[in-house]
Amino acid sequence: MDEVTPEEMRKAQDFERGWSDERIRAAEVSWGPGLVDMLPPALAERVQARAREEGTSDLSIIEAAIAHYLDTSAA
């Protein structure tokens, strides 16, 4: 069986603890830096690479992509 990395262990512990009411409320009003963690890995990597290239945040890239999609998609 493969060894568990420290990052995987932190994620497992966080999952087991669950989210407090305060954390849930914060998530409802702010995506925070973990937003790309909700994306499929390949897409998250593309978002992060573009953010580095443009010197901006992951959230800015995602906002621009959604706005572009909504502006150019058929209504």
PDB file of N, CA and C in Angstrom:
ATOM      1  N   MET A   1       0.841  -1.178   0.000  1.00  0.00           N
ATOM      2  CA  MET A   1       0.000   0.000   0.000  1.00  0.00           C
ATOM      3  C   MET A   1       0.886   1.240   0.000  1.00  0.00           C
ATOM      4  N   ASP A   2       0.484   2.256  -0.730  1.00  0.00           N
ATOM      5  CA  ASP A   2       1.274   3.475  -0.835  1.00  0.00           C
ATOM      6  C   ASP A   2       1.259   4.250   0.477  1.00  0.00           C
ATOM      7  N   GLU A   3       2.352   4.971   0.707  1.00  0.00           N
ATOM      8  CA  GLU A   3       2.437   5.834   1.873  1.00  0.00           C
ATOM      9  C   GLU A   3       1.536   7.052   1.676  1.00  0.00           C
ATOM     10  N   VAL A   4       0.965   7.533   2.756  1.00  0.00           N
ATOM     11  CA  VAL A   4       0.125   8.725   2.716  1.00  0.00           C
ATOM     12  C   VAL A   4       1.027   9.944   2.878  1.00  0.00           C
ATOM     13  N   THR A   5       0.866  10.905   1.986  1.00  0.00           N
ATOM     14  CA  THR A   5       1.666  12.124   2.076  1.00  0.00           C
ATOM     15  C   THR A   5       1.116  13.004   3.197  1.00  0.00           C
ATOM     16  N   PRO A   6       1.932  13.925   3.709  1.00  0.00           N
ATOM     17  CA  PRO A   6       1.429  14.843   4.740  1.00  0.00           C
ATOM     18  C   PRO A   6       0.205  15.640   4.267  1.00  0.00           C
ATOM     19  N   GLU A   7       0.199  16.054   3.004  1.00  0.00           N
ATOM     20  CA  GLU A   7      -0.943  16.800   2.463  1.00  0.00           C
ATOM     21  C   GLU A   7      -2.202  15.933   2.465  1.00  0.00           C
ATOM     22  N   GLU A   8      -2.079  14.684   2.057  1.00  0.00           N
ATOM     23  CA  GLU A   8      -3.228  13.773   2.062  1.00  0.00           C
ATOM     24  C   GLU A   8      -3.735  13.541   3.485  1.00  0.00           C
ATOM     25  N   MET A   9      -2.806  13.444   4.437  1.00  0.00           N
ATOM     26  CA  MET A   9      -3.189  13.246   5.833  1.00  0.00           C
ATOM     27  C   MET A   9      -3.947  14.465   6.357  1.00  0.00           C
ATOM     28  N   ARG A  10      -3.487  15.682   6.032  1.00  0.00           N
ATOM     29  CA  ARG A  10      -4.184  16.900   6.457  1.00  0.00           C
ATOM     30  C   ARG A  10      -5.595  16.949   5.874  1.00  0.00           C
ATOM     31  N   LYS A  11      -5.717  16.583   4.605  1.00  0.00           N
ATOM     32  CA  LYS A  11      -7.040  16.582   3.975  1.00  0.00           C
ATOM     33  C   LYS A  11      -7.963  15.564   4.644  1.00  0.00           C
ATOM     34  N   ALA A  12      -7.444  14.396   4.945  1.00  0.00           N
ATOM     35  CA  ALA A  12      -8.253  13.361   5.594  1.00  0.00           C
ATOM     36  C   ALA A  12      -8.697  13.813   6.985  1.00  0.00           C
ATOM     37  N   GLN A  13      -7.780  14.424   7.728  1.00  0.00           N
ATOM     38  CA  GLN A  13      -8.131  14.908   9.064  1.00  0.00           C
ATOM     39  C   GLN A  13      -9.176  16.018   8.984  1.00  0.00           C
ATOM     40  N   ASP A  14      -9.011  16.911   8.018  1.00  0.00           N
ATOM     41  CA  ASP A  14      -9.976  17.998   7.829  1.00  0.00           C
ATOM     42  C   ASP A  14     -11.347  17.421   7.492  1.00  0.00           C
ATOM     43  N   PHE A  15     -11.381  16.429   6.619  1.00  0.00           N
ATOM     44  CA  PHE A  15     -12.638  15.788   6.232  1.00  0.00           C
ATOM     45  C   PHE A  15     -13.303  15.130   7.439  1.00  0.00           C
ATOM     46  N   GLU A  16     -12.512  14.442   8.256  1.00  0.00           N
ATOM     47  CA  GLU A  16     -13.061  13.753   9.422  1.00  0.00           C
ATOM     48  C   GLU A  16     -13.623  14.734  10.448  1.00  0.00           C
ATOM     49  N   ARG A  17     -12.957  15.880  10.602  1.00  0.00           N
ATOM     50  CA  ARG A  17     -13.437  16.893  11.549  1.00  0.00           C
ATOM     51  C   ARG A  17     -14.749  17.503  11.092  1.00  0.00           C
ATOM     52  N   GLY A  18     -14.899  17.645   9.794  1.00  0.00           N
ATOM     53  CA  GLY A  18     -16.091  18.311   9.269  1.00  0.00           C
ATOM     54  C   GLY A  18     -15.953  19.818   9.388  1.00  0.00           C
ATOM     55  N   TRP A  19     -16.924  20.510   8.837  1.00  0.00           N
ATOM     56  CA  TRP A  19     -16.888  21.974   8.835  1.00  0.00           C
ATOM     57  C   TRP A  19     -17.734  22.522   9.969  1.00  0.00           C
ATOM     58  N   SER A  20     -17.178  23.478  10.686  1.00  0.00           N
ATOM     59  CA  SER A  20     -17.926  24.169  11.735  1.00  0.00           C
ATOM     60  C   SER A  20     -18.936  25.106  11.080  1.00  0.00           C
ATOM     61  N   ASP A  21     -19.913  25.544  11.860  1.00  0.00           N
ATOM     62  CA  ASP A  21     -20.894  26.505  11.337  1.00  0.00           C
ATOM     63  C   ASP A  21     -20.202  27.763  10.826  1.00  0.00           C
ATOM     64  N   GLU A  22     -19.174  28.213  11.552  1.00  0.00           N
ATOM     65  CA  GLU A  22     -18.437  29.415  11.143  1.00  0.00           C
ATOM     66  C   GLU A  22     -17.753  29.207   9.789  1.00  0.00           C
ATOM     67  N   ARG A  23     -17.154  28.059   9.598  1.00  0.00           N
ATOM     68  CA  ARG A  23     -16.469  27.777   8.331  1.00  0.00           C
ATOM     69  C   ARG A  23     -17.472  27.695   7.174  1.00  0.00           C
ATOM     70  N   ILE A  24     -18.619  27.118   7.431  1.00  0.00           N
ATOM     71  CA  ILE A  24     -19.655  27.037   6.396  1.00  0.00           C
ATOM     72  C   ILE A  24     -20.133  28.434   6.021  1.00  0.00           C
ATOM     73  N   ARG A  25     -20.369  29.285   7.026  1.00  0.00           N
ATOM     74  CA  ARG A  25     -20.801  30.662   6.741  1.00  0.00           C
ATOM     75  C   ARG A  25     -19.740  31.397   5.933  1.00  0.00           C
ATOM     76  N   ALA A  26     -18.478  31.221   6.280  1.00  0.00           N
ATOM     77  CA  ALA A  26     -17.395  31.883   5.550  1.00  0.00           C
ATOM     78  C   ALA A  26     -17.342  31.385   4.113  1.00  0.00           C
ATOM     79  N   ALA A  27     -17.570  30.109   3.910  1.00  0.00           N
ATOM     80  CA  ALA A  27     -17.535  29.547   2.554  1.00  0.00           C
ATOM     81  C   ALA A  27     -18.691  30.064   1.714  1.00  0.00           C
ATOM     82  N   GLU A  28     -19.794  30.389   2.361  1.00  0.00           N
ATOM     83  CA  GLU A  28     -20.952  30.890   1.629  1.00  0.00           C
ATOM     84  C   GLU A  28     -20.732  32.298   1.099  1.00  0.00           C
ATOM     85  N   VAL A  29     -19.830  33.056   1.724  1.00  0.00           N
ATOM     86  CA  VAL A  29     -19.613  34.441   1.300  1.00  0.00           C
ATOM     87  C   VAL A  29     -18.276  34.648   0.603  1.00  0.00           C
ATOM     88  N   SER A  30     -17.380  33.691   0.700  1.00  0.00           N
ATOM     89  CA  SER A  30     -16.059  33.847   0.100  1.00  0.00           C
ATOM     90  C   SER A  30     -15.532  32.489  -0.343  1.00  0.00           C
ATOM     91  N   TRP A  31     -15.105  32.409  -1.586  1.00  0.00           N
ATOM     92  CA  TRP A  31     -14.561  31.147  -2.082  1.00  0.00           C
ATOM     93  C   TRP A  31     -13.202  30.871  -1.469  1.00  0.00           C
ATOM     94  N   GLY A  32     -12.407  31.904  -1.275  1.00  0.00           N
ATOM     95  CA  GLY A  32     -11.086  31.742  -0.687  1.00  0.00           C
ATOM     96  C   GLY A  32     -10.103  31.118  -1.656  1.00  0.00           C
ATOM     97  N   PRO A  33      -8.876  30.897  -1.186  1.00  0.00           N
ATOM     98  CA  PRO A  33      -7.821  30.403  -2.067  1.00  0.00           C
ATOM     99  C   PRO A  33      -8.010  28.962  -2.518  1.00  0.00           C
ATOM    100  N   GLY A  34      -8.907  28.218  -1.897  1.00  0.00           N
ATOM    101  CA  GLY A  34      -9.111  26.822  -2.257  1.00  0.00           C
ATOM    102  C   GLY A  34     -10.100  26.607  -3.385  1.00  0.00           C
ATOM    103  N   LEU A  35     -10.504  27.668  -4.030  1.00  0.00           N
ATOM    104  CA  LEU A  35     -11.509  27.557  -5.090  1.00  0.00           C
ATOM    105  C   LEU A  35     -11.092  26.567  -6.167  1.00  0.00           C
ATOM    106  N   VAL A  36      -9.848  26.612  -6.602  1.00  0.00           N
ATOM    107  CA  VAL A  36      -9.429  25.719  -7.688  1.00  0.00           C
ATOM    108  C   VAL A  36      -9.417  24.262  -7.254  1.00  0.00           C
ATOM    109  N   ASP A  37      -9.409  24.010  -5.948  1.00  0.00           N
ATOM    110  CA  ASP A  37      -9.446  22.624  -5.469  1.00  0.00           C
ATOM    111  C   ASP A  37     -10.753  21.938  -5.833  1.00  0.00           C
ATOM    112  N   MET A  38     -11.772  22.718  -6.157  1.00  0.00           N
ATOM    113  CA  MET A  38     -13.066  22.151  -6.541  1.00  0.00           C
ATOM    114  C   MET A  38     -13.091  21.750  -8.010  1.00  0.00           C
ATOM    115  N   LEU A  39     -12.108  22.180  -8.763  1.00  0.00           N
ATOM    116  CA  LEU A  39     -12.055  21.891 -10.199  1.00  0.00           C
ATOM    117  C   LEU A  39     -11.337  20.574 -10.455  1.00  0.00           C
ATOM    118  N   PRO A  40     -11.592  19.946 -11.599  1.00  0.00           N
ATOM    119  CA  PRO A  40     -10.799  18.775 -11.974  1.00  0.00           C
ATOM    120  C   PRO A  40      -9.321  19.189 -12.046  1.00  0.00           C
ATOM    121  N   PRO A  41      -8.403  18.306 -11.661  1.00  0.00           N
ATOM    122  CA  PRO A  41      -6.985  18.666 -11.592  1.00  0.00           C
ATOM    123  C   PRO A  41      -6.424  19.329 -12.852  1.00  0.00           C
ATOM    124  N   ALA A  42      -6.741  18.812 -14.017  1.00  0.00           N
ATOM    125  CA  ALA A  42      -6.191  19.393 -15.250  1.00  0.00           C
ATOM    126  C   ALA A  42      -6.681  20.826 -15.447  1.00  0.00           C
ATOM    127  N   LEU A  43      -7.940  21.080 -15.133  1.00  0.00           N
ATOM    128  CA  LEU A  43      -8.488  22.427 -15.271  1.00  0.00           C
ATOM    129  C   LEU A  43      -7.899  23.360 -14.213  1.00  0.00           C
ATOM    130  N   ALA A  44      -7.739  22.862 -13.006  1.00  0.00           N
ATOM    131  CA  ALA A  44      -7.131  23.663 -11.941  1.00  0.00           C
ATOM    132  C   ALA A  44      -5.716  24.079 -12.328  1.00  0.00           C
ATOM    133  N   GLU A  45      -4.959  23.156 -12.913  1.00  0.00           N
ATOM    134  CA  GLU A  45      -3.595  23.471 -13.348  1.00  0.00           C
ATOM    135  C   GLU A  45      -3.602  24.559 -14.415  1.00  0.00           C
ATOM    136  N   ARG A  46      -4.548  24.486 -15.338  1.00  0.00           N
ATOM    137  CA  ARG A  46      -4.639  25.512 -16.392  1.00  0.00           C
ATOM    138  C   ARG A  46      -4.977  26.876 -15.804  1.00  0.00           C
ATOM    139  N   VAL A  47      -5.903  26.899 -14.858  1.00  0.00           N
ATOM    140  CA  VAL A  47      -6.278  28.160 -14.213  1.00  0.00           C
ATOM    141  C   VAL A  47      -5.075  28.748 -13.478  1.00  0.00           C
ATOM    142  N   GLN A  48      -4.379  27.921 -12.710  1.00  0.00           N
ATOM    143  CA  GLN A  48      -3.233  28.402 -11.950  1.00  0.00           C
ATOM    144  C   GLN A  48      -2.108  28.871 -12.863  1.00  0.00           C
ATOM    145  N   ALA A  49      -1.877  28.168 -13.954  1.00  0.00           N
ATOM    146  CA  ALA A  49      -0.835  28.577 -14.904  1.00  0.00           C
ATOM    147  C   ALA A  49      -1.179  29.925 -15.527  1.00  0.00           C
ATOM    148  N   ARG A  50      -2.436  30.107 -15.919  1.00  0.00           N
ATOM    149  CA  ARG A  50      -2.853  31.382 -16.515  1.00  0.00           C
ATOM    150  C   ARG A  50      -2.726  32.505 -15.490  1.00  0.00           C
ATOM    151  N   ALA A  51      -3.095  32.241 -14.252  1.00  0.00           N
ATOM    152  CA  ALA A  51      -2.989  33.266 -13.207  1.00  0.00           C
ATOM    153  C   ALA A  51      -1.530  33.680 -13.011  1.00  0.00           C
ATOM    154  N   ARG A  52      -0.618  32.709 -13.026  1.00  0.00           N
ATOM    155  CA  ARG A  52       0.815  33.037 -12.906  1.00  0.00           C
ATOM    156  C   ARG A  52       1.270  33.870 -14.089  1.00  0.00           C
ATOM    157  N   GLU A  53       0.876  33.459 -15.299  1.00  0.00           N
ATOM    158  CA  GLU A  53       1.267  34.182 -16.516  1.00  0.00           C
ATOM    159  C   GLU A  53       0.787  35.628 -16.483  1.00  0.00           C
ATOM    160  N   GLU A  54      -0.435  35.832 -16.009  1.00  0.00           N
ATOM    161  CA  GLU A  54      -1.034  37.164 -16.020  1.00  0.00           C
ATOM    162  C   GLU A  54      -0.770  37.946 -14.736  1.00  0.00           C
ATOM    163  N   GLY A  55      -0.131  37.296 -13.763  1.00  0.00           N
ATOM    164  CA  GLY A  55       0.164  37.974 -12.506  1.00  0.00           C
ATOM    165  C   GLY A  55      -1.082  38.350 -11.727  1.00  0.00           C
ATOM    166  N   THR A  56      -2.060  37.464 -11.755  1.00  0.00           N
ATOM    167  CA  THR A  56      -3.328  37.739 -11.076  1.00  0.00           C
ATOM    168  C   THR A  56      -3.727  36.524 -10.247  1.00  0.00           C
ATOM    169  N   SER A  57      -4.923  36.554  -9.699  1.00  0.00           N
ATOM    170  CA  SER A  57      -5.382  35.456  -8.845  1.00  0.00           C
ATOM    171  C   SER A  57      -6.158  34.413  -9.643  1.00  0.00           C
ATOM    172  N   ASP A  58      -6.254  33.233  -9.059  1.00  0.00           N
ATOM    173  CA  ASP A  58      -7.065  32.169  -9.651  1.00  0.00           C
ATOM    174  C   ASP A  58      -8.509  32.644  -9.807  1.00  0.00           C
ATOM    175  N   LEU A  59      -9.017  33.322  -8.783  1.00  0.00           N
ATOM    176  CA  LEU A  59     -10.394  33.798  -8.817  1.00  0.00           C
ATOM    177  C   LEU A  59     -10.617  34.766  -9.974  1.00  0.00           C
ATOM    178  N   SER A  60      -9.658  35.649 -10.231  1.00  0.00           N
ATOM    179  CA  SER A  60      -9.795  36.594 -11.349  1.00  0.00           C
ATOM    180  C   SER A  60      -9.888  35.863 -12.678  1.00  0.00           C
ATOM    181  N   ILE A  61      -9.102  34.807 -12.835  1.00  0.00           N
ATOM    182  CA  ILE A  61      -9.131  34.024 -14.072  1.00  0.00           C
ATOM    183  C   ILE A  61     -10.483  33.335 -14.220  1.00  0.00           C
ATOM    184  N   ILE A  62     -10.982  32.759 -13.139  1.00  0.00           N
ATOM    185  CA  ILE A  62     -12.265  32.060 -13.181  1.00  0.00           C
ATOM    186  C   ILE A  62     -13.399  33.044 -13.462  1.00  0.00           C
ATOM    187  N   GLU A  63     -13.368  34.208 -12.818  1.00  0.00           N
ATOM    188  CA  GLU A  63     -14.397  35.225 -13.070  1.00  0.00           C
ATOM    189  C   GLU A  63     -14.393  35.650 -14.533  1.00  0.00           C
ATOM    190  N   ALA A  64     -13.203  35.885 -15.090  1.00  0.00           N
ATOM    191  CA  ALA A  64     -13.100  36.306 -16.492  1.00  0.00           C
ATOM    192  C   ALA A  64     -13.613  35.213 -17.424  1.00  0.00           C
ATOM    193  N   ALA A  65     -13.290  33.962 -17.114  1.00  0.00           N
ATOM    194  CA  ALA A  65     -13.729  32.851 -17.959  1.00  0.00           C
ATOM    195  C   ALA A  65     -15.250  32.708 -17.931  1.00  0.00           C
ATOM    196  N   ILE A  66     -15.831  32.838 -16.762  1.00  0.00           N
ATOM    197  CA  ILE A  66     -17.290  32.728 -16.659  1.00  0.00           C
ATOM    198  C   ILE A  66     -17.963  33.892 -17.375  1.00  0.00           C
ATOM    199  N   ALA A  67     -17.448  35.099 -17.176  1.00  0.00           N
ATOM    200  CA  ALA A  67     -18.021  36.272 -17.848  1.00  0.00           C
ATOM    201  C   ALA A  67     -17.927  36.108 -19.360  1.00  0.00           C
ATOM    202  N   HIS A  68     -16.777  35.641 -19.852  1.00  0.00           N
ATOM    203  CA  HIS A  68     -16.605  35.434 -21.295  1.00  0.00           C
ATOM    204  C   HIS A  68     -17.605  34.392 -21.801  1.00  0.00           C
ATOM    205  N   TYR A  69     -17.739  33.310 -21.070  1.00  0.00           N
ATOM    206  CA  TYR A  69     -18.681  32.260 -21.461  1.00  0.00           C
ATOM    207  C   TYR A  69     -20.107  32.805 -21.530  1.00  0.00           C
ATOM    208  N   LEU A  70     -20.515  33.532 -20.506  1.00  0.00           N
ATOM    209  CA  LEU A  70     -21.879  34.065 -20.476  1.00  0.00           C
ATOM    210  C   LEU A  70     -22.103  35.120 -21.550  1.00  0.00           C
ATOM    211  N   ASP A  71     -21.069  35.889 -21.855  1.00  0.00           N
ATOM    212  CA  ASP A  71     -21.191  36.928 -22.883  1.00  0.00           C
ATOM    213  C   ASP A  71     -21.245  36.350 -24.294  1.00  0.00           C
ATOM    214  N   THR A  72     -20.615  35.191 -24.498  1.00  0.00           N
ATOM    215  CA  THR A  72     -20.521  34.641 -25.852  1.00  0.00           C
ATOM    216  C   THR A  72     -21.443  33.457 -26.110  1.00  0.00           C
ATOM    217  N   SER A  73     -22.049  32.912 -25.060  1.00  0.00           N
ATOM    218  CA  SER A  73     -22.937  31.760 -25.269  1.00  0.00           C
ATOM    219  C   SER A  73     -24.312  32.244 -25.711  1.00  0.00           C
ATOM    220  N   ALA A  74     -24.991  31.385 -26.421  1.00  0.00           N
ATOM    221  CA  ALA A  74     -26.342  31.720 -26.888  1.00  0.00           C
ATOM    222  C   ALA A  74     -27.289  31.770 -25.700  1.00  0.00           C
ATOM    223  N   ALA A  75     -28.129  32.754 -25.690  1.00  0.00           N
ATOM    224  CA  ALA A  75     -29.070  32.909 -24.566  1.00  0.00           C
ATOM    225  C   ALA A  75     -30.277  32.018 -24.741  1.00  0.00           C
TER     226      ALA A  75
END
